[in-house]
PDB file of N, CA and C in Angstrom:
ATOM      1  N   MET A   1     -40.901  36.158 -76.991  1.00  0.00           N
ATOM      2  CA  MET A   1     -41.820  36.389 -78.081  1.00  0.00           C
ATOM      3  C   MET A   1     -43.084  37.021 -77.506  1.00  0.00           C
ATOM      4  N   ASN A   2     -43.506  38.126 -78.084  1.00  0.00           N
ATOM      5  CA  ASN A   2     -44.649  38.841 -77.545  1.00  0.00           C
ATOM      6  C   ASN A   2     -45.987  38.311 -78.016  1.00  0.00           C
ATOM      7  N   GLY A   3     -46.144  38.072 -79.266  1.00  0.00           N
ATOM      8  CA  GLY A   3     -47.414  37.625 -79.810  1.00  0.00           C
ATOM      9  C   GLY A   3     -47.196  36.725 -81.009  1.00  0.00           C
ATOM     10  N   PRO A   4     -48.284  36.246 -81.582  1.00  0.00           N
ATOM     11  CA  PRO A   4     -48.160  35.373 -82.752  1.00  0.00           C
ATOM     12  C   PRO A   4     -47.434  36.096 -83.887  1.00  0.00           C
ATOM     13  N   ARG A   5     -46.631  35.374 -84.608  1.00  0.00           N
ATOM     14  CA  ARG A   5     -45.865  35.959 -85.716  1.00  0.00           C
ATOM     15  C   ARG A   5     -46.039  35.118 -86.976  1.00  0.00           C
ATOM     16  N   ILE A   6     -47.246  35.115 -87.485  1.00  0.00           N
ATOM     17  CA  ILE A   6     -47.535  34.379 -88.718  1.00  0.00           C
ATOM     18  C   ILE A   6     -46.654  34.893 -89.850  1.00  0.00           C
ATOM     19  N   ASP A   7     -46.346  36.190 -89.838  1.00  0.00           N
ATOM     20  CA  ASP A   7     -45.488  36.761 -90.878  1.00  0.00           C
ATOM     21  C   ASP A   7     -44.115  36.097 -90.894  1.00  0.00           C
ATOM     22  N   LEU A   8     -43.557  35.795 -89.721  1.00  0.00           N
ATOM     23  CA  LEU A   8     -42.245  35.148 -89.665  1.00  0.00           C
ATOM     24  C   LEU A   8     -42.317  33.679 -90.074  1.00  0.00           C
ATOM     25  N   VAL A   9     -43.434  33.022 -89.749  1.00  0.00           N
ATOM     26  CA  VAL A   9     -43.616  31.636 -90.192  1.00  0.00           C
ATOM     27  C   VAL A   9     -43.641  31.608 -91.725  1.00  0.00           C
ATOM     28  N   ARG A  10     -44.385  32.531 -92.319  1.00  0.00           N
ATOM     29  CA  ARG A  10     -44.446  32.609 -93.780  1.00  0.00           C
ATOM     30  C   ARG A  10     -43.066  32.924 -94.358  1.00  0.00           C
ATOM     31  N   GLN A  11     -42.352  33.853 -93.748  1.00  0.00           N
ATOM     32  CA  GLN A  11     -41.016  34.222 -94.220  1.00  0.00           C
ATOM     33  C   GLN A  11     -40.072  33.021 -94.208  1.00  0.00           C
ATOM     34  N   ALA A  12     -40.099  32.236 -93.144  1.00  0.00           N
ATOM     35  CA  ALA A  12     -39.235  31.051 -93.060  1.00  0.00           C
ATOM     36  C   ALA A  12     -39.610  30.023 -94.122  1.00  0.00           C
ATOM     37  N   ALA A  13     -40.906  29.833 -94.339  1.00  0.00           N
ATOM     38  CA  ALA A  13     -41.357  28.861 -95.342  1.00  0.00           C
ATOM     39  C   ALA A  13     -40.936  29.277 -96.748  1.00  0.00           C
ATOM     40  N   LEU A  14     -40.869  30.566 -96.998  1.00  0.00           N
ATOM     41  CA  LEU A  14     -40.514  31.072 -98.322  1.00  0.00           C
ATOM     42  C   LEU A  14     -39.008  31.175 -98.525  1.00  0.00           C
ATOM     43  N   SER A  15     -38.238  31.026 -97.456  1.00  0.00           N
ATOM     44  CA  SER A  15     -36.784  31.155 -97.530  1.00  0.00           C
ATOM     45  C   SER A  15     -36.182  30.068 -98.407  1.00  0.00           C
ATOM     46  N   ARG A  16     -35.134  30.423 -99.089  1.00  0.00           N
ATOM     47  CA  ARG A  16     -34.381  29.458 -99.905  1.00  0.00           C
ATOM     48  C   ARG A  16     -33.179  28.911 -99.129  1.00  0.00           C
ATOM     49  N   CYS A  17     -33.011  29.348 -97.887  1.00  0.00           N
ATOM     50  CA  CYS A  17     -31.887  28.900 -97.061  1.00  0.00           C
ATOM     51  C   CYS A  17     -32.194  27.548 -96.428  1.00  0.00           C
ATOM     52  N   THR A  18     -31.274  26.638 -96.536  1.00  0.00           N
ATOM     53  CA  THR A  18     -31.423  25.326 -95.915  1.00  0.00           C
ATOM     54  C   THR A  18     -31.515  25.493 -94.407  1.00  0.00           C
ATOM     55  N   GLY A  19     -32.472  24.826 -93.805  1.00  0.00           N
ATOM     56  CA  GLY A  19     -32.605  24.845 -92.355  1.00  0.00           C
ATOM     57  C   GLY A  19     -33.619  25.837 -91.819  1.00  0.00           C
ATOM     58  N   ASP A  20     -34.138  26.720 -92.645  1.00  0.00           N
ATOM     59  CA  ASP A  20     -35.107  27.704 -92.155  1.00  0.00           C
ATOM     60  C   ASP A  20     -36.500  27.117 -91.958  1.00  0.00           C
ATOM     61  N   PHE A  21     -36.790  26.001 -92.620  1.00  0.00           N
ATOM     62  CA  PHE A  21     -38.117  25.383 -92.572  1.00  0.00           C
ATOM     63  C   PHE A  21     -37.899  23.878 -92.685  1.00  0.00           C
ATOM     64  N   GLU A  22     -37.656  23.236 -91.531  1.00  0.00           N
ATOM     65  CA  GLU A  22     -37.268  21.816 -91.513  1.00  0.00           C
ATOM     66  C   GLU A  22     -37.984  21.078 -90.385  1.00  0.00           C
ATOM     67  N   TRP A  23     -37.952  19.760 -90.460  1.00  0.00           N
ATOM     68  CA  TRP A  23     -38.479  18.937 -89.366  1.00  0.00           C
ATOM     69  C   TRP A  23     -37.641  19.182 -88.122  1.00  0.00           C
ATOM     70  N   ILE A  24     -38.282  19.160 -86.968  1.00  0.00           N
ATOM     71  CA  ILE A  24     -37.595  19.489 -85.720  1.00  0.00           C
ATOM     72  C   ILE A  24     -36.452  18.523 -85.431  1.00  0.00           C
ATOM     73  N   ASP A  25     -36.613  17.257 -85.814  1.00  0.00           N
ATOM     74  CA  ASP A  25     -35.515  16.292 -85.691  1.00  0.00           C
ATOM     75  C   ASP A  25     -35.799  15.083 -86.575  1.00  0.00           C
ATOM     76  N   ASP A  26     -34.802  14.243 -86.742  1.00  0.00           N
ATOM     77  CA  ASP A  26     -34.933  13.077 -87.612  1.00  0.00           C
ATOM     78  C   ASP A  26     -35.976  12.086 -87.103  1.00  0.00           C
ATOM     79  N   ARG A  27     -36.087  11.981 -85.805  1.00  0.00           N
ATOM     80  CA  ARG A  27     -37.058  11.047 -85.211  1.00  0.00           C
ATOM     81  C   ARG A  27     -38.479  11.411 -85.638  1.00  0.00           C
ATOM     82  N   VAL A  28     -38.802  12.683 -85.572  1.00  0.00           N
ATOM     83  CA  VAL A  28     -40.135  13.150 -85.971  1.00  0.00           C
ATOM     84  C   VAL A  28     -40.336  12.937 -87.470  1.00  0.00           C
ATOM     85  N   ALA A  29     -39.342  13.253 -88.259  1.00  0.00           N
ATOM     86  CA  ALA A  29     -39.448  13.068 -89.710  1.00  0.00           C
ATOM     87  C   ALA A  29     -39.696  11.596 -90.053  1.00  0.00           C
ATOM     88  N   LEU A  30     -39.005  10.691 -89.382  1.00  0.00           N
ATOM     89  CA  LEU A  30     -39.207   9.257 -89.619  1.00  0.00           C
ATOM     90  C   LEU A  30     -40.598   8.808 -89.189  1.00  0.00           C
ATOM     91  N   ARG A  31     -41.063   9.306 -88.043  1.00  0.00           N
ATOM     92  CA  ARG A  31     -42.399   8.937 -87.565  1.00  0.00           C
ATOM     93  C   ARG A  31     -43.478   9.386 -88.544  1.00  0.00           C
ATOM     94  N   VAL A  32     -43.348  10.617 -89.020  1.00  0.00           N
ATOM     95  CA  VAL A  32     -44.334  11.165 -89.961  1.00  0.00           C
ATOM     96  C   VAL A  32     -44.310  10.378 -91.270  1.00  0.00           C
ATOM     97  N   ALA A  33     -43.123  10.075 -91.758  1.00  0.00           N
ATOM     98  CA  ALA A  33     -42.999   9.354 -93.024  1.00  0.00           C
ATOM     99  C   ALA A  33     -43.520   7.922 -92.934  1.00  0.00           C
ATOM    100  N   SER A  34     -43.420   7.325 -91.764  1.00  0.00           N
ATOM    101  CA  SER A  34     -43.860   5.933 -91.625  1.00  0.00           C
ATOM    102  C   SER A  34     -45.312   5.799 -91.179  1.00  0.00           C
ATOM    103  N   ALA A  35     -45.980   6.894 -90.900  1.00  0.00           N
ATOM    104  CA  ALA A  35     -47.379   6.852 -90.467  1.00  0.00           C
ATOM    105  C   ALA A  35     -48.273   6.461 -91.648  1.00  0.00           C
ATOM    106  N   ARG A  36     -49.022   5.386 -91.477  1.00  0.00           N
ATOM    107  CA  ARG A  36     -49.886   4.884 -92.551  1.00  0.00           C
ATOM    108  C   ARG A  36     -50.850   5.939 -93.062  1.00  0.00           C
ATOM    109  N   GLU A  37     -51.363   6.754 -92.155  1.00  0.00           N
ATOM    110  CA  GLU A  37     -52.355   7.746 -92.555  1.00  0.00           C
ATOM    111  C   GLU A  37     -51.784   8.827 -93.476  1.00  0.00           C
ATOM    112  N   ASN A  38     -50.456   8.883 -93.602  1.00  0.00           N
ATOM    113  CA  ASN A  38     -49.836   9.880 -94.482  1.00  0.00           C
ATOM    114  C   ASN A  38     -49.622   9.358 -95.903  1.00  0.00           C
ATOM    115  N   GLN A  39     -50.214   8.214 -96.188  1.00  0.00           N
ATOM    116  CA  GLN A  39     -50.351   7.705 -97.556  1.00  0.00           C
ATOM    117  C   GLN A  39     -49.029   7.548 -98.308  1.00  0.00           C
ATOM    118  N   GLY A  40     -47.935   7.286 -97.582  1.00  0.00           N
ATOM    119  CA  GLY A  40     -46.661   7.052 -98.237  1.00  0.00           C
ATOM    120  C   GLY A  40     -45.863   8.309 -98.565  1.00  0.00           C
ATOM    121  N   PHE A  41     -46.376   9.478 -98.207  1.00  0.00           N
ATOM    122  CA  PHE A  41     -45.615  10.707 -98.436  1.00  0.00           C
ATOM    123  C   PHE A  41     -44.417  10.734 -97.497  1.00  0.00           C
ATOM    124  N   THR A  42     -43.260  11.111 -98.025  1.00  0.00           N
ATOM    125  CA  THR A  42     -42.049  11.206 -97.215  1.00  0.00           C
ATOM    126  C   THR A  42     -42.041  12.544 -96.473  1.00  0.00           C
ATOM    127  N   ALA A  43     -41.178  12.644 -95.475  1.00  0.00           N
ATOM    128  CA  ALA A  43     -41.044  13.905 -94.730  1.00  0.00           C
ATOM    129  C   ALA A  43     -40.619  15.055 -95.650  1.00  0.00           C
ATOM    130  N   PRO A  44     -39.635  14.865 -96.542  1.00  0.00           N
ATOM    131  CA  PRO A  44     -39.298  15.964 -97.456  1.00  0.00           C
ATOM    132  C   PRO A  44     -40.458  16.345 -98.383  1.00  0.00           C
ATOM    133  N   GLU A  45     -41.238  15.360 -98.818  1.00  0.00           N
ATOM    134  CA  GLU A  45     -42.390  15.673 -99.670  1.00  0.00           C
ATOM    135  C   GLU A  45     -43.435  16.486 -98.903  1.00  0.00           C
ATOM    136  N   ILE A  46     -43.667  16.133 -97.655  1.00  0.00           N
ATOM    137  CA  ILE A  46     -44.635  16.880 -96.841  1.00  0.00           C
ATOM    138  C   ILE A  46     -44.125  18.297 -96.602  1.00  0.00           C
ATOM    139  N   ARG A  47     -42.835  18.435 -96.327  1.00  0.00           N
ATOM    140  CA  ARG A  47     -42.260  19.777 -96.161  1.00  0.00           C
ATOM    141  C   ARG A  47     -42.468  20.604 -97.430  1.00  0.00           C
ATOM    142  N   GLU A  48     -42.209  20.010 -98.580  1.00  0.00           N
ATOM    143  CA  GLU A  48     -42.380  20.721 -99.855  1.00  0.00           C
ATOM    144  C   GLU A  48     -43.850  21.076-100.095  1.00  0.00           C
ATOM    145  N   LEU A  49     -44.755  20.165 -99.771  1.00  0.00           N
ATOM    146  CA  LEU A  49     -46.188  20.476 -99.895  1.00  0.00           C
ATOM    147  C   LEU A  49     -46.562  21.667 -99.012  1.00  0.00           C
ATOM    148  N   ALA A  50     -46.018  21.696 -97.795  1.00  0.00           N
ATOM    149  CA  ALA A  50     -46.298  22.799 -96.876  1.00  0.00           C
ATOM    150  C   ALA A  50     -45.754  24.113 -97.433  1.00  0.00           C
ATOM    151  N   GLN A  51     -44.535  24.084 -97.936  1.00  0.00           N
ATOM    152  CA  GLN A  51     -43.958  25.302 -98.498  1.00  0.00           C
ATOM    153  C   GLN A  51     -44.747  25.778 -99.719  1.00  0.00           C
ATOM    154  N   THR A  52     -45.155  24.861-100.554  1.00  0.00           N
ATOM    155  CA  THR A  52     -45.940  25.222-101.734  1.00  0.00           C
ATOM    156  C   THR A  52     -47.278  25.826-101.328  1.00  0.00           C
ATOM    157  N   TRP A  53     -47.918  25.232-100.314  1.00  0.00           N
ATOM    158  CA  TRP A  53     -49.193  25.752 -99.811  1.00  0.00           C
ATOM    159  C   TRP A  53     -49.032  27.191 -99.302  1.00  0.00           C
ATOM    160  N   ILE A  54     -48.001  27.400 -98.512  1.00  0.00           N
ATOM    161  CA  ILE A  54     -47.760  28.732 -97.947  1.00  0.00           C
ATOM    162  C   ILE A  54     -47.357  29.711 -99.052  1.00  0.00           C
ATOM    163  N   ARG A  55     -46.502  29.277 -99.957  1.00  0.00           N
ATOM    164  CA  ARG A  55     -46.056  30.121-101.076  1.00  0.00           C
ATOM    165  C   ARG A  55     -47.260  30.565-101.917  1.00  0.00           C
ATOM    166  N   GLY A  56     -48.253  29.700-102.034  1.00  0.00           N
ATOM    167  CA  GLY A  56     -49.456  30.010-102.814  1.00  0.00           C
ATOM    168  C   GLY A  56     -50.466  30.861-102.067  1.00  0.00           C
ATOM    169  N   GLY A  57     -50.120  31.299-100.862  1.00  0.00           N
ATOM    170  CA  GLY A  57     -51.019  32.151-100.089  1.00  0.00           C
ATOM    171  C   GLY A  57     -51.946  31.397 -99.162  1.00  0.00           C
ATOM    172  N   GLY A  58     -51.681  30.096 -98.959  1.00  0.00           N
ATOM    173  CA  GLY A  58     -52.509  29.296 -98.059  1.00  0.00           C
ATOM    174  C   GLY A  58     -52.513  29.853 -96.643  1.00  0.00           C
ATOM    175  N   GLU A  59     -53.620  29.667 -95.964  1.00  0.00           N
ATOM    176  CA  GLU A  59     -53.798  30.216 -94.616  1.00  0.00           C
ATOM    177  C   GLU A  59     -52.924  29.496 -93.590  1.00  0.00           C
ATOM    178  N   ILE A  60     -52.304  30.276 -92.718  1.00  0.00           N
ATOM    179  CA  ILE A  60     -51.538  29.767 -91.582  1.00  0.00           C
ATOM    180  C   ILE A  60     -52.323  30.105 -90.330  1.00  0.00           C
ATOM    181  N   HIS A  61     -52.607  29.105 -89.517  1.00  0.00           N
ATOM    182  CA  HIS A  61     -53.365  29.292 -88.278  1.00  0.00           C
ATOM    183  C   HIS A  61     -52.400  29.339 -87.098  1.00  0.00           C
ATOM    184  N   CYS A  62     -52.857  29.923 -86.006  1.00  0.00           N
ATOM    185  CA  CYS A  62     -52.034  30.034 -84.809  1.00  0.00           C
ATOM    186  C   CYS A  62     -52.926  29.874 -83.581  1.00  0.00           C
ATOM    187  N   ALA A  63     -52.367  29.260 -82.549  1.00  0.00           N
ATOM    188  CA  ALA A  63     -53.083  29.121 -81.280  1.00  0.00           C
ATOM    189  C   ALA A  63     -52.083  29.236 -80.137  1.00  0.00           C
ATOM    190  N   GLU A  64     -52.566  29.724 -79.004  1.00  0.00           N
ATOM    191  CA  GLU A  64     -51.727  29.718 -77.805  1.00  0.00           C
ATOM    192  C   GLU A  64     -51.453  28.283 -77.412  1.00  0.00           C
ATOM    193  N   GLU A  65     -50.242  28.047 -76.975  1.00  0.00           N
ATOM    194  CA  GLU A  65     -49.862  26.699 -76.549  1.00  0.00           C
ATOM    195  C   GLU A  65     -50.348  26.474 -75.135  1.00  0.00           C
ATOM    196  N   ASN A  66     -51.360  25.642 -74.978  1.00  0.00           N
ATOM    197  CA  ASN A  66     -51.912  25.317 -73.663  1.00  0.00           C
ATOM    198  C   ASN A  66     -51.769  23.842 -73.303  1.00  0.00           C
ATOM    199  N   ARG A  67     -51.194  23.068 -74.201  1.00  0.00           N
ATOM    200  CA  ARG A  67     -51.034  21.637 -73.925  1.00  0.00           C
ATOM    201  C   ARG A  67     -49.940  21.471 -72.873  1.00  0.00           C
ATOM    202  N   PRO A  68     -50.223  20.707 -71.829  1.00  0.00           N
ATOM    203  CA  PRO A  68     -49.311  20.610 -70.680  1.00  0.00           C
ATOM    204  C   PRO A  68     -47.869  20.254 -71.033  1.00  0.00           C
ATOM    205  N   ASN A  69     -47.658  19.355 -71.958  1.00  0.00           N
ATOM    206  CA  ASN A  69     -46.292  18.931 -72.274  1.00  0.00           C
ATOM    207  C   ASN A  69     -45.495  19.968 -73.055  1.00  0.00           C
ATOM    208  N   TRP A  70     -46.153  20.983 -73.576  1.00  0.00           N
ATOM    209  CA  TRP A  70     -45.476  21.934 -74.467  1.00  0.00           C
ATOM    210  C   TRP A  70     -45.525  23.383 -73.990  1.00  0.00           C
ATOM    211  N   ARG A  71     -46.299  23.684 -72.963  1.00  0.00           N
ATOM    212  CA  ARG A  71     -46.442  25.066 -72.493  1.00  0.00           C
ATOM    213  C   ARG A  71     -45.122  25.735 -72.153  1.00  0.00           C
ATOM    214  N   ASN A  72     -44.199  24.976 -71.614  1.00  0.00           N
ATOM    215  CA  ASN A  72     -42.913  25.552 -71.214  1.00  0.00           C
ATOM    216  C   ASN A  72     -41.948  25.723 -72.384  1.00  0.00           C
ATOM    217  N   ARG A  73     -42.272  25.135 -73.514  1.00  0.00           N
ATOM    218  CA  ARG A  73     -41.385  25.205 -74.681  1.00  0.00           C
ATOM    219  C   ARG A  73     -41.697  26.402 -75.581  1.00  0.00           C
ATOM    220  N   ARG A  74     -43.003  26.703 -75.751  1.00  0.00           N
ATOM    221  CA  ARG A  74     -43.394  27.749 -76.701  1.00  0.00           C
ATOM    222  C   ARG A  74     -44.676  28.425 -76.248  1.00  0.00           C
ATOM    223  N   ASP A  75     -44.873  29.656 -76.698  1.00  0.00           N
ATOM    224  CA  ASP A  75     -46.090  30.396 -76.394  1.00  0.00           C
ATOM    225  C   ASP A  75     -47.202  30.092 -77.389  1.00  0.00           C
ATOM    226  N   TYR A  76     -46.816  29.805 -78.633  1.00  0.00           N
ATOM    227  CA  TYR A  76     -47.783  29.570 -79.708  1.00  0.00           C
ATOM    228  C   TYR A  76     -47.333  28.404 -80.557  1.00  0.00           C
ATOM    229  N   TYR A  77     -48.292  27.776 -81.208  1.00  0.00           N
ATOM    230  CA  TYR A  77     -47.965  26.836 -82.269  1.00  0.00           C
ATOM    231  C   TYR A  77     -48.794  27.223 -83.481  1.00  0.00           C
ATOM    232  N   TYR A  78     -48.327  26.801 -84.629  1.00  0.00           N
ATOM    233  CA  TYR A  78     -48.909  27.188 -85.906  1.00  0.00           C
ATOM    234  C   TYR A  78     -49.280  25.935 -86.673  1.00  0.00           C
ATOM    235  N   TRP A  79     -50.250  26.050 -87.563  1.00  0.00           N
ATOM    236  CA  TRP A  79     -50.595  24.909 -88.401  1.00  0.00           C
ATOM    237  C   TRP A  79     -51.230  25.380 -89.692  1.00  0.00           C
ATOM    238  N   ILE A  80     -51.175  24.482 -90.656  1.00  0.00           N
ATOM    239  CA  ILE A  80     -51.855  24.664 -91.927  1.00  0.00           C
ATOM    240  C   ILE A  80     -52.628  23.402 -92.217  1.00  0.00           C
ATOM    241  N   ILE A  81     -53.617  23.515 -93.048  1.00  0.00           N
ATOM    242  CA  ILE A  81     -54.317  22.351 -93.588  1.00  0.00           C
ATOM    243  C   ILE A  81     -54.217  22.476 -95.097  1.00  0.00           C
ATOM    244  N   ILE A  82     -53.411  21.608 -95.673  1.00  0.00           N
ATOM    245  CA  ILE A  82     -53.165  21.635 -97.108  1.00  0.00           C
ATOM    246  C   ILE A  82     -54.325  20.930 -97.799  1.00  0.00           C
ATOM    247  N   GLU A  83     -54.983  21.653 -98.646  1.00  0.00           N
ATOM    248  CA  GLU A  83     -56.123  21.112 -99.389  1.00  0.00           C
ATOM    249  C   GLU A  83     -55.699  20.792-100.816  1.00  0.00           C
ATOM    250  N   GLY A  84     -56.512  19.994-101.496  1.00  0.00           N
ATOM    251  CA  GLY A  84     -56.281  19.730-102.910  1.00  0.00           C
ATOM    252  C   GLY A  84     -55.360  18.568-103.208  1.00  0.00           C
ATOM    253  N   ILE A  85     -55.063  17.738-102.222  1.00  0.00           N
ATOM    254  CA  ILE A  85     -54.240  16.543-102.438  1.00  0.00           C
ATOM    255  C   ILE A  85     -55.199  15.358-102.489  1.00  0.00           C
ATOM    256  N   ASP A  86     -55.224  14.658-103.627  1.00  0.00           N
ATOM    257  CA  ASP A  86     -56.184  13.570-103.811  1.00  0.00           C
ATOM    258  C   ASP A  86     -56.177  12.565-102.665  1.00  0.00           C
ATOM    259  N   GLU A  87     -54.969  12.198-102.193  1.00  0.00           N
ATOM    260  CA  GLU A  87     -54.860  11.185-101.141  1.00  0.00           C
ATOM    261  C   GLU A  87     -55.466  11.640 -99.818  1.00  0.00           C
ATOM    262  N   PHE A  88     -55.681  12.928 -99.653  1.00  0.00           N
ATOM    263  CA  PHE A  88     -56.211  13.454 -98.392  1.00  0.00           C
ATOM    264  C   PHE A  88     -57.552  14.150 -98.579  1.00  0.00           C
ATOM    265  N   HIS A  89     -58.187  13.897 -99.708  1.00  0.00           N
ATOM    266  CA  HIS A  89     -59.497  14.504 -99.983  1.00  0.00           C
ATOM    267  C   HIS A  89     -60.550  13.825 -99.117  1.00  0.00           C
ATOM    268  N   PRO A  90     -61.476  14.494 -98.526  1.00  0.00           N
ATOM    269  CA  PRO A  90     -61.768  15.919 -98.647  1.00  0.00           C
ATOM    270  C   PRO A  90     -61.198  16.762 -97.500  1.00  0.00           C
ATOM    271  N   ARG A  91     -60.541  16.149 -96.511  1.00  0.00           N
ATOM    272  CA  ARG A  91     -60.182  16.885 -95.287  1.00  0.00           C
ATOM    273  C   ARG A  91     -58.843  17.595 -95.340  1.00  0.00           C
ATOM    274  N   GLY A  92     -57.951  17.204 -96.228  1.00  0.00           N
ATOM    275  CA  GLY A  92     -56.653  17.846 -96.328  1.00  0.00           C
ATOM    276  C   GLY A  92     -55.601  17.182 -95.446  1.00  0.00           C
ATOM    277  N   LEU A  93     -54.440  17.804 -95.388  1.00  0.00           N
ATOM    278  CA  LEU A  93     -53.317  17.330 -94.579  1.00  0.00           C
ATOM    279  C   LEU A  93     -52.941  18.413 -93.578  1.00  0.00           C
ATOM    280  N   PHE A  94     -53.007  18.077 -92.307  1.00  0.00           N
ATOM    281  CA  PHE A  94     -52.665  18.982 -91.211  1.00  0.00           C
ATOM    282  C   PHE A  94     -51.155  18.933 -90.995  1.00  0.00           C
ATOM    283  N   VAL A  95     -50.504  20.096 -90.936  1.00  0.00           N
ATOM    284  CA  VAL A  95     -49.074  20.179 -90.638  1.00  0.00           C
ATOM    285  C   VAL A  95     -48.897  21.167 -89.491  1.00  0.00           C
ATOM    286  N   GLU A  96     -48.318  20.696 -88.391  1.00  0.00           N
ATOM    287  CA  GLU A  96     -48.096  21.515 -87.194  1.00  0.00           C
ATOM    288  C   GLU A  96     -46.656  22.022 -87.171  1.00  0.00           C
ATOM    289  N   MET A  97     -46.493  23.280 -86.742  1.00  0.00           N
ATOM    290  CA  MET A  97     -45.182  23.925 -86.761  1.00  0.00           C
ATOM    291  C   MET A  97     -44.989  24.775 -85.508  1.00  0.00           C
ATOM    292  N   GLU A  98     -43.719  25.089 -85.220  1.00  0.00           N
ATOM    293  CA  GLU A  98     -43.410  26.086 -84.200  1.00  0.00           C
ATOM    294  C   GLU A  98     -42.414  27.080 -84.777  1.00  0.00           C
ATOM    295  N   LEU A  99     -42.511  28.305 -84.310  1.00  0.00           N
ATOM    296  CA  LEU A  99     -41.535  29.331 -84.658  1.00  0.00           C
ATOM    297  C   LEU A  99     -40.402  29.187 -83.656  1.00  0.00           C
ATOM    298  N   THR A 100     -39.365  28.474 -84.052  1.00  0.00           N
ATOM    299  CA  THR A 100     -38.265  28.135 -83.162  1.00  0.00           C
ATOM    300  C   THR A 100     -37.360  29.330 -82.893  1.00  0.00           C
ATOM    301  N   ASP A 101     -37.179  30.161 -83.906  1.00  0.00           N
ATOM    302  CA  ASP A 101     -36.354  31.366 -83.762  1.00  0.00           C
ATOM    303  C   ASP A 101     -37.074  32.504 -84.466  1.00  0.00           C
ATOM    304  N   ALA A 102     -37.469  33.515 -83.697  1.00  0.00           N
ATOM    305  CA  ALA A 102     -38.249  34.640 -84.224  1.00  0.00           C
ATOM    306  C   ALA A 102     -37.361  35.785 -84.692  1.00  0.00           C
ATOM    307  N   ASP A 103     -36.171  35.478 -85.163  1.00  0.00           N
ATOM    308  CA  ASP A 103     -35.270  36.493 -85.716  1.00  0.00           C
ATOM    309  C   ASP A 103     -35.969  37.174 -86.899  1.00  0.00           C
ATOM    310  N   GLU A 104     -36.058  38.489 -86.853  1.00  0.00           N
ATOM    311  CA  GLU A 104     -36.769  39.252 -87.889  1.00  0.00           C
ATOM    312  C   GLU A 104     -36.156  39.078 -89.279  1.00  0.00           C
ATOM    313  N   THR A 105     -34.854  38.844 -89.358  1.00  0.00           N
ATOM    314  CA  THR A 105     -34.207  38.736 -90.663  1.00  0.00           C
ATOM    315  C   THR A 105     -33.980  37.295 -91.107  1.00  0.00           C
ATOM    316  N   ASP A 106     -33.996  36.357 -90.179  1.00  0.00           N
ATOM    317  CA  ASP A 106     -33.750  34.957 -90.525  1.00  0.00           C
ATOM    318  C   ASP A 106     -34.511  34.029 -89.573  1.00  0.00           C
ATOM    319  N   PRO A 107     -35.841  34.016 -89.667  1.00  0.00           N
ATOM    320  CA  PRO A 107     -36.617  33.169 -88.755  1.00  0.00           C
ATOM    321  C   PRO A 107     -36.429  31.680 -89.067  1.00  0.00           C
ATOM    322  N   LEU A 108     -36.658  30.870 -88.052  1.00  0.00           N
ATOM    323  CA  LEU A 108     -36.536  29.422 -88.178  1.00  0.00           C
ATOM    324  C   LEU A 108     -37.844  28.780 -87.722  1.00  0.00           C
ATOM    325  N   VAL A 109     -38.401  27.939 -88.579  1.00  0.00           N
ATOM    326  CA  VAL A 109     -39.620  27.201 -88.254  1.00  0.00           C
ATOM    327  C   VAL A 109     -39.290  25.718 -88.231  1.00  0.00           C
ATOM    328  N   SER A 110     -39.795  25.034 -87.199  1.00  0.00           N
ATOM    329  CA  SER A 110     -39.630  23.587 -87.090  1.00  0.00           C
ATOM    330  C   SER A 110     -40.974  22.923 -87.318  1.00  0.00           C
ATOM    331  N   LEU A 111     -40.988  21.936 -88.201  1.00  0.00           N
ATOM    332  CA  LEU A 111     -42.188  21.145 -88.429  1.00  0.00           C
ATOM    333  C   LEU A 111     -42.268  20.088 -87.341  1.00  0.00           C
ATOM    334  N   LEU A 112     -43.450  19.959 -86.745  1.00  0.00           N
ATOM    335  CA  LEU A 112     -43.627  19.106 -85.565  1.00  0.00           C
ATOM    336  C   LEU A 112     -44.427  17.837 -85.833  1.00  0.00           C
ATOM    337  N   ASN A 113     -45.351  17.906 -86.794  1.00  0.00           N
ATOM    338  CA  ASN A 113     -46.234  16.770 -87.016  1.00  0.00           C
ATOM    339  C   ASN A 113     -46.972  16.970 -88.333  1.00  0.00           C
ATOM    340  N   ALA A 114     -47.471  15.878 -88.890  1.00  0.00           N
ATOM    341  CA  ALA A 114     -48.318  15.929 -90.078  1.00  0.00           C
ATOM    342  C   ALA A 114     -49.194  14.696 -90.094  1.00  0.00           C
ATOM    343  N   HIS A 115     -50.466  14.910 -90.408  1.00  0.00           N
ATOM    344  CA  HIS A 115     -51.444  13.821 -90.488  1.00  0.00           C
ATOM    345  C   HIS A 115     -52.764  14.401 -90.977  1.00  0.00           C
ATOM    346  N   PRO A 116     -53.687  13.560 -91.413  1.00  0.00           N
ATOM    347  CA  PRO A 116     -55.013  14.087 -91.736  1.00  0.00           C
ATOM    348  C   PRO A 116     -55.609  14.733 -90.476  1.00  0.00           C
ATOM    349  N   PRO A 117     -56.378  15.808 -90.623  1.00  0.00           N
ATOM    350  CA  PRO A 117     -56.944  16.489 -89.451  1.00  0.00           C
ATOM    351  C   PRO A 117     -57.796  15.540 -88.622  1.00  0.00           C
ATOM    352  N   THR A 118     -57.691  15.682 -87.309  1.00  0.00           N
ATOM    353  CA  THR A 118     -58.503  14.868 -86.396  1.00  0.00           C
ATOM    354  C   THR A 118     -59.627  15.681 -85.787  1.00  0.00           C
ATOM    355  N   PHE A 119     -59.801  16.897 -86.279  1.00  0.00           N
ATOM    356  CA  PHE A 119     -60.860  17.759 -85.787  1.00  0.00           C
ATOM    357  C   PHE A 119     -61.711  18.188 -86.981  1.00  0.00           C
ATOM    358  N   PRO A 120     -62.964  18.554 -86.719  1.00  0.00           N
ATOM    359  CA  PRO A 120     -63.860  18.918 -87.836  1.00  0.00           C
ATOM    360  C   PRO A 120     -63.418  20.145 -88.577  1.00  0.00           C
TER     361      PRO A 120
END
C-alpha cells in the first residue's frame, strides 16, 4: 500500500456485500459489546452506526501506524468519531479501522475498536 486510501475505506463501508466492513474477529466484537463505556450498544449496532455515519458523508481520519505492536501489520489506521448519539454526547463514539485489503474493486475494512474518544 503506497499511501492512505480513505476512498477505499469509504467504498468498503458503503458496500452491500457481507464481509466488506466487519469486526476483525469475534473476540474484538465481544470485547467492544461488553465494554461498559459503550452504553450497551452491540457490535453489529456500532458497525451500522459507523456505516450510517460514513454513508452520510461523515469525516474519515487517517494516521500513519507508529504504535509498536501494530507497525508491522499496517502502514495506516483509520478512524471516525460518530457525533449525534445521545448516549455519547458531547464527545461522540470513536471507531478505529484498518484497510485490510486495498483491492480497488472490492476493498475490505476491519473494525478494530470502539469507545468514547480518549483524546480532546
